[in-house]
Amino acid sequence: MGLKCRVTGDVLVVAVDLSRIDAAIAIQFKEDMRSETQTGPDRVILDLSKVDFIDSSGLGAIVAVRKQLGDARRLDLSGLTPTVKKVFQLTRMDTVFKIFPDLDDAMAATAS
């Protein structure tokens, strides 16, 4: 669907290779993320650096993935473009997720 996954140390990095996460693909995105994150490291970084647009359905899909991971696992976000970052700020989801400027910063941060 447009997800590129790799395990680096104790982190699963999921890079979204799509320009949009919207109503047209939100369900498929959520299912693909669920499949990719069912097992693996406790920390997942979702790299959104190629995503230029996200709507409420896309945002809901990301929140659903976070819930699916449960309390024992963590979903961090990296590389939000200005438009996507604004959606997270307007919905106050920037207070729910740890958001990093880019993947390097996310990888350098501890999982705490």
N, C-alpha and C. Protein backbone atom coordinates (compact mmCIF):
# COMPACT_ATOMS: atom_id res chain seq x y z
N MET A 1 0.81 -1.20 0.00
CA MET A 1 0.00 0.00 0.00
C MET A 1 0.85 1.26 0.00
N GLY A 2 2.05 1.20 0.42
CA GLY A 2 2.87 2.38 0.51
C GLY A 2 3.56 2.50 1.85
N LEU A 3 3.76 1.36 2.52
CA LEU A 3 4.49 1.35 3.78
C LEU A 3 5.81 0.61 3.58
N LYS A 4 6.88 1.22 4.05
CA LYS A 4 8.18 0.57 4.00
C LYS A 4 8.65 0.38 5.44
N CYS A 5 8.84 -0.87 5.83
CA CYS A 5 9.14 -1.18 7.23
C CYS A 5 10.54 -1.76 7.35
N ARG A 6 11.19 -1.39 8.47
CA ARG A 6 12.48 -1.98 8.79
C ARG A 6 12.66 -1.93 10.31
N VAL A 7 13.34 -2.93 10.82
CA VAL A 7 13.68 -2.95 12.23
C VAL A 7 15.12 -2.50 12.36
N THR A 8 15.33 -1.50 13.21
CA THR A 8 16.66 -0.99 13.48
C THR A 8 16.85 -1.04 15.00
N GLY A 9 17.68 -1.98 15.44
CA GLY A 9 17.86 -2.15 16.88
C GLY A 9 16.56 -2.59 17.52
N ASP A 10 16.07 -1.79 18.48
CA ASP A 10 14.82 -2.13 19.16
C ASP A 10 13.68 -1.22 18.72
N VAL A 11 13.74 -0.78 17.46
CA VAL A 11 12.72 0.13 16.91
C VAL A 11 12.24 -0.39 15.56
N LEU A 12 10.92 -0.38 15.38
CA LEU A 12 10.33 -0.65 14.07
C LEU A 12 10.05 0.69 13.42
N VAL A 13 10.67 0.95 12.28
CA VAL A 13 10.44 2.19 11.54
C VAL A 13 9.49 1.87 10.40
N VAL A 14 8.38 2.60 10.35
CA VAL A 14 7.41 2.45 9.26
C VAL A 14 7.38 3.78 8.51
N ALA A 15 7.89 3.77 7.29
CA ALA A 15 7.90 4.96 6.45
C ALA A 15 6.69 4.91 5.52
N VAL A 16 5.91 5.97 5.54
CA VAL A 16 4.73 6.06 4.68
C VAL A 16 5.19 6.64 3.35
N ASP A 17 5.02 5.88 2.28
CA ASP A 17 5.45 6.31 0.95
C ASP A 17 4.24 6.76 0.13
N LEU A 18 3.46 7.64 0.72
CA LEU A 18 2.25 8.19 0.09
C LEU A 18 2.23 9.69 0.33
N SER A 19 1.59 10.43 -0.55
CA SER A 19 1.49 11.88 -0.34
C SER A 19 0.27 12.25 0.49
N ARG A 20 -0.70 11.33 0.59
CA ARG A 20 -1.94 11.63 1.32
C ARG A 20 -2.37 10.44 2.17
N ILE A 21 -2.89 10.75 3.35
CA ILE A 21 -3.60 9.75 4.15
C ILE A 21 -4.97 10.36 4.39
N ASP A 22 -5.92 9.93 3.58
CA ASP A 22 -7.26 10.51 3.64
C ASP A 22 -8.32 9.42 3.63
N ALA A 23 -9.57 9.82 3.53
CA ALA A 23 -10.69 8.88 3.61
C ALA A 23 -10.58 7.76 2.58
N ALA A 24 -9.99 8.05 1.43
CA ALA A 24 -9.90 7.06 0.36
C ALA A 24 -9.00 5.88 0.73
N ILE A 25 -8.02 6.09 1.60
CA ILE A 25 -7.09 5.00 1.93
C ILE A 25 -6.98 4.73 3.43
N ALA A 26 -7.69 5.45 4.25
CA ALA A 26 -7.53 5.34 5.71
C ALA A 26 -7.75 3.92 6.21
N ILE A 27 -8.77 3.24 5.74
CA ILE A 27 -9.06 1.89 6.21
C ILE A 27 -7.93 0.94 5.83
N GLN A 28 -7.49 1.02 4.58
CA GLN A 28 -6.40 0.16 4.12
C GLN A 28 -5.11 0.48 4.88
N PHE A 29 -4.85 1.77 5.11
CA PHE A 29 -3.68 2.19 5.88
C PHE A 29 -3.71 1.57 7.27
N LYS A 30 -4.85 1.66 7.93
CA LYS A 30 -4.99 1.12 9.29
C LYS A 30 -4.76 -0.40 9.29
N GLU A 31 -5.33 -1.10 8.32
CA GLU A 31 -5.15 -2.56 8.24
C GLU A 31 -3.70 -2.93 7.97
N ASP A 32 -3.07 -2.21 7.06
CA ASP A 32 -1.66 -2.49 6.75
C ASP A 32 -0.77 -2.20 7.95
N MET A 33 -1.04 -1.11 8.65
CA MET A 33 -0.27 -0.79 9.85
C MET A 33 -0.48 -1.85 10.92
N ARG A 34 -1.69 -2.30 11.07
CA ARG A 34 -1.97 -3.36 12.06
C ARG A 34 -1.17 -4.62 11.72
N SER A 35 -1.15 -5.00 10.46
CA SER A 35 -0.39 -6.18 10.04
C SER A 35 1.10 -6.01 10.30
N GLU A 36 1.63 -4.84 9.99
CA GLU A 36 3.07 -4.60 10.14
C GLU A 36 3.49 -4.48 11.60
N THR A 37 2.59 -4.09 12.48
CA THR A 37 2.96 -3.83 13.88
C THR A 37 2.43 -4.88 14.85
N GLN A 38 1.83 -5.96 14.35
CA GLN A 38 1.30 -6.99 15.25
C GLN A 38 2.38 -7.55 16.16
N THR A 39 3.56 -7.73 15.61
CA THR A 39 4.69 -8.21 16.39
C THR A 39 5.85 -7.26 16.14
N GLY A 40 6.87 -7.42 16.91
CA GLY A 40 8.05 -6.60 16.71
C GLY A 40 8.39 -5.79 17.94
N PRO A 41 9.30 -4.85 17.76
CA PRO A 41 9.77 -4.04 18.90
C PRO A 41 8.65 -3.26 19.57
N ASP A 42 8.91 -2.88 20.82
CA ASP A 42 7.92 -2.12 21.58
C ASP A 42 7.78 -0.68 21.11
N ARG A 43 8.78 -0.18 20.41
CA ARG A 43 8.70 1.20 19.91
C ARG A 43 8.56 1.19 18.40
N VAL A 44 7.56 1.93 17.93
CA VAL A 44 7.31 2.07 16.50
C VAL A 44 7.42 3.55 16.16
N ILE A 45 8.19 3.86 15.12
CA ILE A 45 8.27 5.23 14.63
C ILE A 45 7.59 5.28 13.27
N LEU A 46 6.60 6.14 13.16
CA LEU A 46 5.90 6.33 11.90
C LEU A 46 6.49 7.57 11.23
N ASP A 47 7.18 7.35 10.12
CA ASP A 47 7.84 8.43 9.38
C ASP A 47 6.85 8.98 8.35
N LEU A 48 6.40 10.21 8.59
CA LEU A 48 5.40 10.85 7.73
C LEU A 48 6.00 11.92 6.82
N SER A 49 7.30 11.86 6.58
CA SER A 49 7.97 12.93 5.84
C SER A 49 7.52 13.08 4.39
N LYS A 50 6.92 12.04 3.81
CA LYS A 50 6.44 12.13 2.42
C LYS A 50 4.96 12.48 2.34
N VAL A 51 4.29 12.58 3.50
CA VAL A 51 2.86 12.84 3.53
C VAL A 51 2.62 14.36 3.54
N ASP A 52 1.95 14.85 2.50
CA ASP A 52 1.66 16.28 2.38
C ASP A 52 0.27 16.65 2.88
N PHE A 53 -0.60 15.65 3.02
CA PHE A 53 -1.99 15.93 3.39
C PHE A 53 -2.53 14.80 4.25
N ILE A 54 -3.25 15.17 5.30
CA ILE A 54 -3.95 14.19 6.12
C ILE A 54 -5.29 14.80 6.52
N ASP A 55 -6.35 14.00 6.45
CA ASP A 55 -7.65 14.48 6.89
C ASP A 55 -8.05 13.76 8.17
N SER A 56 -9.27 13.99 8.62
CA SER A 56 -9.71 13.40 9.89
C SER A 56 -9.72 11.88 9.85
N SER A 57 -10.00 11.30 8.69
CA SER A 57 -9.98 9.84 8.57
C SER A 57 -8.56 9.30 8.73
N GLY A 58 -7.61 9.99 8.12
CA GLY A 58 -6.22 9.59 8.26
C GLY A 58 -5.72 9.73 9.69
N LEU A 59 -6.10 10.84 10.30
CA LEU A 59 -5.74 11.06 11.70
C LEU A 59 -6.35 9.98 12.59
N GLY A 60 -7.61 9.65 12.32
CA GLY A 60 -8.28 8.59 13.08
C GLY A 60 -7.60 7.25 12.91
N ALA A 61 -7.10 6.98 11.71
CA ALA A 61 -6.40 5.72 11.46
C ALA A 61 -5.11 5.64 12.28
N ILE A 62 -4.38 6.75 12.37
CA ILE A 62 -3.15 6.78 13.16
C ILE A 62 -3.45 6.59 14.64
N VAL A 63 -4.51 7.23 15.11
CA VAL A 63 -4.92 7.07 16.52
C VAL A 63 -5.33 5.62 16.77
N ALA A 64 -6.02 5.00 15.83
CA ALA A 64 -6.44 3.60 15.99
C ALA A 64 -5.23 2.68 16.07
N VAL A 65 -4.20 2.97 15.29
CA VAL A 65 -2.97 2.16 15.36
C VAL A 65 -2.33 2.31 16.73
N ARG A 66 -2.30 3.51 17.24
CA ARG A 66 -1.73 3.75 18.58
C ARG A 66 -2.49 2.93 19.62
N LYS A 67 -3.81 2.94 19.55
CA LYS A 67 -4.62 2.17 20.51
C LYS A 67 -4.38 0.67 20.34
N GLN A 68 -4.26 0.22 19.11
CA GLN A 68 -4.04 -1.20 18.84
C GLN A 68 -2.72 -1.67 19.44
N LEU A 69 -1.72 -0.80 19.49
CA LEU A 69 -0.43 -1.18 20.06
C LEU A 69 -0.51 -1.42 21.56
N GLY A 70 -1.47 -0.80 22.22
CA GLY A 70 -1.66 -1.00 23.65
C GLY A 70 -0.70 -0.16 24.47
N ASP A 71 -0.80 -0.32 25.77
CA ASP A 71 0.00 0.48 26.69
C ASP A 71 1.47 0.07 26.75
N ALA A 72 1.75 -1.18 26.40
CA ALA A 72 3.12 -1.68 26.51
C ALA A 72 4.00 -1.24 25.34
N ARG A 73 3.38 -0.77 24.26
CA ARG A 73 4.14 -0.36 23.07
C ARG A 73 3.88 1.11 22.80
N ARG A 74 4.79 1.72 22.04
CA ARG A 74 4.73 3.16 21.82
C ARG A 74 4.76 3.47 20.33
N LEU A 75 3.98 4.46 19.91
CA LEU A 75 3.99 4.96 18.54
C LEU A 75 4.44 6.42 18.56
N ASP A 76 5.60 6.68 17.98
CA ASP A 76 6.12 8.03 17.84
C ASP A 76 6.02 8.44 16.37
N LEU A 77 5.97 9.73 16.13
CA LEU A 77 5.85 10.26 14.77
C LEU A 77 7.07 11.09 14.43
N SER A 78 7.46 11.05 13.16
CA SER A 78 8.59 11.88 12.73
C SER A 78 8.31 12.46 11.35
N GLY A 79 8.99 13.59 11.09
CA GLY A 79 8.99 14.18 9.76
C GLY A 79 7.68 14.78 9.29
N LEU A 80 6.89 15.32 10.20
CA LEU A 80 5.62 15.91 9.79
C LEU A 80 5.87 17.15 8.93
N THR A 81 5.24 17.18 7.77
CA THR A 81 5.31 18.35 6.91
C THR A 81 4.47 19.45 7.56
N PRO A 82 4.67 20.71 7.19
CA PRO A 82 3.93 21.81 7.84
C PRO A 82 2.41 21.62 7.83
N THR A 83 1.86 21.15 6.73
CA THR A 83 0.40 20.97 6.65
C THR A 83 -0.06 19.88 7.61
N VAL A 84 0.66 18.77 7.64
CA VAL A 84 0.29 17.65 8.52
C VAL A 84 0.50 18.06 9.98
N LYS A 85 1.58 18.76 10.26
CA LYS A 85 1.84 19.21 11.63
C LYS A 85 0.72 20.12 12.12
N LYS A 86 0.21 20.96 11.24
CA LYS A 86 -0.88 21.87 11.62
C LYS A 86 -2.14 21.09 12.01
N VAL A 87 -2.44 20.02 11.29
CA VAL A 87 -3.60 19.19 11.63
C VAL A 87 -3.43 18.60 13.03
N PHE A 88 -2.23 18.11 13.33
CA PHE A 88 -1.98 17.54 14.66
C PHE A 88 -2.09 18.61 15.74
N GLN A 89 -1.64 19.82 15.44
CA GLN A 89 -1.74 20.90 16.42
C GLN A 89 -3.19 21.36 16.61
N LEU A 90 -3.93 21.52 15.54
CA LEU A 90 -5.32 21.98 15.63
C LEU A 90 -6.21 21.01 16.39
N THR A 91 -5.90 19.73 16.27
CA THR A 91 -6.70 18.70 16.94
C THR A 91 -6.12 18.32 18.31
N ARG A 92 -5.02 18.98 18.69
CA ARG A 92 -4.32 18.74 19.95
C ARG A 92 -3.73 17.33 20.03
N MET A 93 -3.63 16.66 18.91
CA MET A 93 -3.00 15.34 18.89
C MET A 93 -1.49 15.45 19.08
N ASP A 94 -0.96 16.65 18.95
CA ASP A 94 0.46 16.84 19.22
C ASP A 94 0.78 16.68 20.71
N THR A 95 -0.25 16.67 21.54
CA THR A 95 -0.06 16.43 22.97
C THR A 95 -0.19 14.94 23.30
N VAL A 96 -0.68 14.16 22.36
CA VAL A 96 -0.88 12.73 22.56
C VAL A 96 0.33 11.93 22.08
N PHE A 97 0.92 12.36 20.97
CA PHE A 97 2.05 11.68 20.37
C PHE A 97 3.34 12.43 20.64
N LYS A 98 4.44 11.68 20.72
CA LYS A 98 5.77 12.31 20.68
C LYS A 98 6.06 12.54 19.21
N ILE A 99 6.34 13.78 18.86
CA ILE A 99 6.59 14.14 17.47
C ILE A 99 8.01 14.68 17.35
N PHE A 100 8.75 14.14 16.40
CA PHE A 100 10.13 14.52 16.17
C PHE A 100 10.27 15.18 14.79
N PRO A 101 11.18 16.15 14.68
CA PRO A 101 11.33 16.87 13.41
C PRO A 101 11.69 15.95 12.23
N ASP A 102 12.51 14.95 12.51
CA ASP A 102 12.89 14.02 11.44
C ASP A 102 13.22 12.65 12.04
N LEU A 103 13.45 11.70 11.16
CA LEU A 103 13.69 10.33 11.60
C LEU A 103 14.97 10.21 12.42
N ASP A 104 15.99 10.96 12.06
CA ASP A 104 17.25 10.91 12.82
C ASP A 104 17.03 11.32 14.27
N ASP A 105 16.27 12.40 14.48
CA ASP A 105 15.98 12.84 15.85
C ASP A 105 15.16 11.80 16.60
N ALA A 106 14.21 11.19 15.92
CA ALA A 106 13.38 10.16 16.55
C ALA A 106 14.22 8.96 16.95
N MET A 107 15.13 8.56 16.07
CA MET A 107 15.98 7.41 16.37
C MET A 107 16.94 7.71 17.51
N ALA A 108 17.39 8.95 17.60
CA ALA A 108 18.34 9.33 18.65
C ALA A 108 17.68 9.44 20.03
N ALA A 109 16.38 9.67 20.04
CA ALA A 109 15.66 9.83 21.30
C ALA A 109 15.45 8.48 21.98
N THR A 110 15.42 8.53 23.28
CA THR A 110 15.11 7.30 24.01
C THR A 110 13.63 7.04 23.92
N ALA A 111 13.23 5.84 24.20
CA ALA A 111 11.82 5.45 24.09
C ALA A 111 11.00 5.93 25.27
N SER A 112 11.59 6.57 26.22
CA SER A 112 10.83 7.00 27.42
C SER A 112 9.97 8.19 27.15
